[in-house]
Amino acid sequence: QLAESGGGLVQTGDSLRLSCAASGDTFSRYCMAWFRQAPGKEREFVAAVAWTGRRTYYADSVKGRFTISKDNAKNTVYLQMNSLKPEDTAVYSCTARGRSCSIGSFYTRSMDYDYWGQGTQVTVSS
């Protein structure tokens, strides 16, 4: 199970850190990602992290502003979001891939992942 926290209402230029706590003893083997869905829009990929936590990949829209990290000791994935913009407003969900993760590959489609959290709302006011 995955449980997100850390969302909220902030102003343009502010920062937030989202957390995703996972239960189970296989967390360290999962490659994981954050997706987001704005009202009236499809869910979109935000960032992914390899199962080791050593490699990351980002959508162009957040590159340089967001940082994904994975702490296997704490069974937690984080999304540090800086320089937030109104267009970042969305429900953010973390997800884990229960299948094997190929070394050197990152997965950016929803169908590539197996477990999802409930999501946390991030609202950025202008």
C-alpha atoms as a PDB file:
ATOM      1  CA  GLN A   1       0.000   0.000   0.000  1.00  0.00           C
ATOM      2  CA  LEU A   2       1.066   3.536  -0.763  1.00  0.00           C
ATOM      3  CA  ALA A   3       0.056   6.644   1.161  1.00  0.00           C
ATOM      4  CA  GLU A   4       0.869  10.168   0.009  1.00  0.00           C
ATOM      5  CA  SER A   5       1.103  13.238   2.189  1.00  0.00           C
ATOM      6  CA  GLY A   6       2.411  16.779   2.026  1.00  0.00           C
ATOM      7  CA  GLY A   7       0.034  18.435  -0.401  1.00  0.00           C
ATOM      8  CA  GLY A   8      -1.540  21.791   0.224  1.00  0.00           C
ATOM      9  CA  LEU A   9      -2.269  25.304  -0.969  1.00  0.00           C
ATOM     10  CA  VAL A  10       0.756  27.436  -1.786  1.00  0.00           C
ATOM     11  CA  GLN A  11       1.583  30.530  -3.798  1.00  0.00           C
ATOM     12  CA  THR A  12       3.524  30.804  -7.031  1.00  0.00           C
ATOM     13  CA  GLY A  13       7.229  30.330  -6.380  1.00  0.00           C
ATOM     14  CA  ASP A  14       6.756  28.392  -3.156  1.00  0.00           C
ATOM     15  CA  SER A  15       8.010  24.902  -2.405  1.00  0.00           C
ATOM     16  CA  LEU A  16       6.399  21.700  -1.178  1.00  0.00           C
ATOM     17  CA  ARG A  17       7.682  18.243  -0.399  1.00  0.00           C
ATOM     18  CA  LEU A  18       5.423  15.289  -1.009  1.00  0.00           C
ATOM     19  CA  SER A  19       6.003  11.980   0.718  1.00  0.00           C
ATOM     20  CA  CYS A  20       4.837   8.522  -0.230  1.00  0.00           C
ATOM     21  CA  ALA A  21       5.079   5.892   2.483  1.00  0.00           C
ATOM     22  CA  ALA A  22       4.961   2.266   1.409  1.00  0.00           C
ATOM     23  CA  SER A  23       4.119  -0.811   3.399  1.00  0.00           C
ATOM     24  CA  GLY A  24       5.669  -4.214   2.822  1.00  0.00           C
ATOM     25  CA  ASP A  25       9.157  -5.595   2.809  1.00  0.00           C
ATOM     26  CA  THR A  26       9.748  -5.501  -0.956  1.00  0.00           C
ATOM     27  CA  PHE A  27       9.764  -1.734  -1.321  1.00  0.00           C
ATOM     28  CA  SER A  28      13.491  -1.590  -1.966  1.00  0.00           C
ATOM     29  CA  ARG A  29      13.018  -3.592  -5.167  1.00  0.00           C
ATOM     30  CA  TYR A  30      10.376  -1.315  -6.657  1.00  0.00           C
ATOM     31  CA  CYS A  31      11.046   1.375  -9.196  1.00  0.00           C
ATOM     32  CA  MET A  32       8.615   4.168  -8.517  1.00  0.00           C
ATOM     33  CA  ALA A  33       7.191   7.346  -9.922  1.00  0.00           C
ATOM     34  CA  TRP A  34       4.957  10.325  -9.349  1.00  0.00           C
ATOM     35  CA  PHE A  35       2.094  11.201 -11.671  1.00  0.00           C
ATOM     36  CA  ARG A  36      -0.365  14.059 -11.506  1.00  0.00           C
ATOM     37  CA  GLN A  37      -3.827  14.791 -12.795  1.00  0.00           C
ATOM     38  CA  ALA A  38      -5.295  18.244 -13.164  1.00  0.00           C
ATOM     39  CA  PRO A  39      -9.056  18.805 -13.436  1.00  0.00           C
ATOM     40  CA  GLY A  40     -10.328  17.917 -16.874  1.00  0.00           C
ATOM     41  CA  LYS A  41      -6.976  16.540 -17.984  1.00  0.00           C
ATOM     42  CA  GLU A  42      -5.442  13.122 -18.322  1.00  0.00           C
ATOM     43  CA  ARG A  43      -3.017  11.801 -15.759  1.00  0.00           C
ATOM     44  CA  GLU A  44       0.535  12.682 -16.699  1.00  0.00           C
ATOM     45  CA  PHE A  45       3.961  11.464 -15.742  1.00  0.00           C
ATOM     46  CA  VAL A  46       6.021  13.712 -13.479  1.00  0.00           C
ATOM     47  CA  ALA A  47       9.136  11.870 -12.304  1.00  0.00           C
ATOM     48  CA  ALA A  48      10.552   8.370 -11.881  1.00  0.00           C
ATOM     49  CA  VAL A  49      13.262   6.819  -9.750  1.00  0.00           C
ATOM     50  CA  ALA A  50      15.141   3.559 -10.196  1.00  0.00           C
ATOM     51  CA  TRP A  51      14.725   0.858  -7.588  1.00  0.00           C
ATOM     52  CA  THR A  52      18.146   1.699  -6.161  1.00  0.00           C
ATOM     53  CA  GLY A  53      17.234   5.349  -5.849  1.00  0.00           C
ATOM     54  CA  ARG A  54      20.399   6.314  -7.695  1.00  0.00           C
ATOM     55  CA  ARG A  55      18.912   7.306 -11.041  1.00  0.00           C
ATOM     56  CA  THR A  56      16.024   9.604 -11.815  1.00  0.00           C
ATOM     57  CA  TYR A  57      14.041  10.823 -14.798  1.00  0.00           C
ATOM     58  CA  TYR A  58      11.739  13.824 -15.199  1.00  0.00           C
ATOM     59  CA  ALA A  59       9.086  15.223 -17.443  1.00  0.00           C
ATOM     60  CA  ASP A  60      10.308  18.276 -19.292  1.00  0.00           C
ATOM     61  CA  SER A  61       7.686  20.438 -17.573  1.00  0.00           C
ATOM     62  CA  VAL A  62       9.238  19.877 -14.131  1.00  0.00           C
ATOM     63  CA  LYS A  63      12.901  19.304 -14.949  1.00  0.00           C
ATOM     64  CA  GLY A  64      15.116  21.566 -12.889  1.00  0.00           C
ATOM     65  CA  ARG A  65      12.324  22.365 -10.415  1.00  0.00           C
ATOM     66  CA  PHE A  66      11.289  18.975  -9.000  1.00  0.00           C
ATOM     67  CA  THR A  67      13.458  16.307  -7.405  1.00  0.00           C
ATOM     68  CA  ILE A  68      12.398  12.718  -6.777  1.00  0.00           C
ATOM     69  CA  SER A  69      14.226  10.619  -4.221  1.00  0.00           C
ATOM     70  CA  LYS A  70      13.830   7.175  -2.673  1.00  0.00           C
ATOM     71  CA  ASP A  71      14.826   6.177   0.832  1.00  0.00           C
ATOM     72  CA  ASN A  72      14.769   2.407   1.015  1.00  0.00           C
ATOM     73  CA  ALA A  73      15.554   2.429   4.730  1.00  0.00           C
ATOM     74  CA  LYS A  74      12.378   4.416   5.380  1.00  0.00           C
ATOM     75  CA  ASN A  75      10.221   2.822   2.666  1.00  0.00           C
ATOM     76  CA  THR A  76       9.473   6.299   1.407  1.00  0.00           C
ATOM     77  CA  VAL A  77       9.621   8.185  -1.875  1.00  0.00           C
ATOM     78  CA  TYR A  78       9.732  11.963  -1.919  1.00  0.00           C
ATOM     79  CA  LEU A  79       8.958  14.644  -4.455  1.00  0.00           C
ATOM     80  CA  GLN A  80      10.568  17.976  -3.671  1.00  0.00           C
ATOM     81  CA  MET A  81       8.807  20.665  -5.672  1.00  0.00           C
ATOM     82  CA  ASN A  82      10.387  24.105  -5.977  1.00  0.00           C
ATOM     83  CA  SER A  83       9.406  27.214  -7.913  1.00  0.00           C
ATOM     84  CA  LEU A  84       5.828  26.027  -8.118  1.00  0.00           C
ATOM     85  CA  LYS A  85       3.569  27.423 -10.821  1.00  0.00           C
ATOM     86  CA  PRO A  86      -0.238  27.530 -11.130  1.00  0.00           C
ATOM     87  CA  GLU A  87       0.006  24.914 -13.887  1.00  0.00           C
ATOM     88  CA  ASP A  88       1.441  22.482 -11.318  1.00  0.00           C
ATOM     89  CA  THR A  89      -1.970  22.390  -9.629  1.00  0.00           C
ATOM     90  CA  ALA A  90      -3.154  18.783  -9.637  1.00  0.00           C
ATOM     91  CA  VAL A  91      -3.701  15.659  -7.585  1.00  0.00           C
ATOM     92  CA  TYR A  92      -0.313  14.002  -7.216  1.00  0.00           C
ATOM     93  CA  SER A  93      -0.122  10.234  -6.900  1.00  0.00           C
ATOM     94  CA  CYS A  94       2.800   7.970  -6.249  1.00  0.00           C
ATOM     95  CA  THR A  95       3.022   4.588  -7.869  1.00  0.00           C
ATOM     96  CA  ALA A  96       5.171   1.480  -7.736  1.00  0.00           C
ATOM     97  CA  ARG A  97       5.987  -1.066 -10.382  1.00  0.00           C
ATOM     98  CA  GLY A  98       5.532  -4.568  -9.005  1.00  0.00           C
ATOM     99  CA  ARG A  99       7.111  -6.174 -12.031  1.00  0.00           C
ATOM    100  CA  SER A 100      10.829  -6.213 -12.689  1.00  0.00           C
ATOM    101  CA  CYS A 101      12.466  -2.936 -13.670  1.00  0.00           C
ATOM    102  CA  SER A 102      14.986  -3.126 -16.468  1.00  0.00           C
ATOM    103  CA  ILE A 103      18.311  -1.572 -15.679  1.00  0.00           C
ATOM    104  CA  GLY A 104      18.631   1.694 -17.543  1.00  0.00           C
ATOM    105  CA  SER A 105      14.923   1.985 -18.310  1.00  0.00           C
ATOM    106  CA  PHE A 106      12.402   4.411 -16.938  1.00  0.00           C
ATOM    107  CA  TYR A 107       8.675   3.920 -17.150  1.00  0.00           C
ATOM    108  CA  THR A 108       6.471   6.885 -17.961  1.00  0.00           C
ATOM    109  CA  ARG A 109       3.079   5.340 -18.703  1.00  0.00           C
ATOM    110  CA  SER A 110       0.429   4.641 -16.098  1.00  0.00           C
ATOM    111  CA  MET A 111       0.069   1.096 -17.389  1.00  0.00           C
ATOM    112  CA  ASP A 112       3.682   0.406 -16.475  1.00  0.00           C
ATOM    113  CA  TYR A 113       2.833   0.581 -12.775  1.00  0.00           C
ATOM    114  CA  ASP A 114       0.893  -1.732 -10.523  1.00  0.00           C
ATOM    115  CA  TYR A 115       0.257  -0.045  -7.190  1.00  0.00           C
ATOM    116  CA  TRP A 116      -1.170   3.425  -6.631  1.00  0.00           C
ATOM    117  CA  GLY A 117      -1.784   5.699  -3.697  1.00  0.00           C
ATOM    118  CA  GLN A 118      -4.933   7.756  -3.191  1.00  0.00           C
ATOM    119  CA  GLY A 119      -3.265  10.991  -4.169  1.00  0.00           C
ATOM    120  CA  THR A 120      -2.673  14.337  -2.507  1.00  0.00           C
ATOM    121  CA  GLN A 121      -3.937  17.701  -3.741  1.00  0.00           C
ATOM    122  CA  VAL A 122      -1.461  20.416  -4.642  1.00  0.00           C
ATOM    123  CA  THR A 123      -2.899  23.833  -5.415  1.00  0.00           C
ATOM    124  CA  VAL A 124      -0.714  26.719  -6.520  1.00  0.00           C
ATOM    125  CA  SER A 125      -2.322  30.141  -6.498  1.00  0.00           C
ATOM    126  CA  SER A 126      -1.167  32.951  -8.753  1.00  0.00           C
END
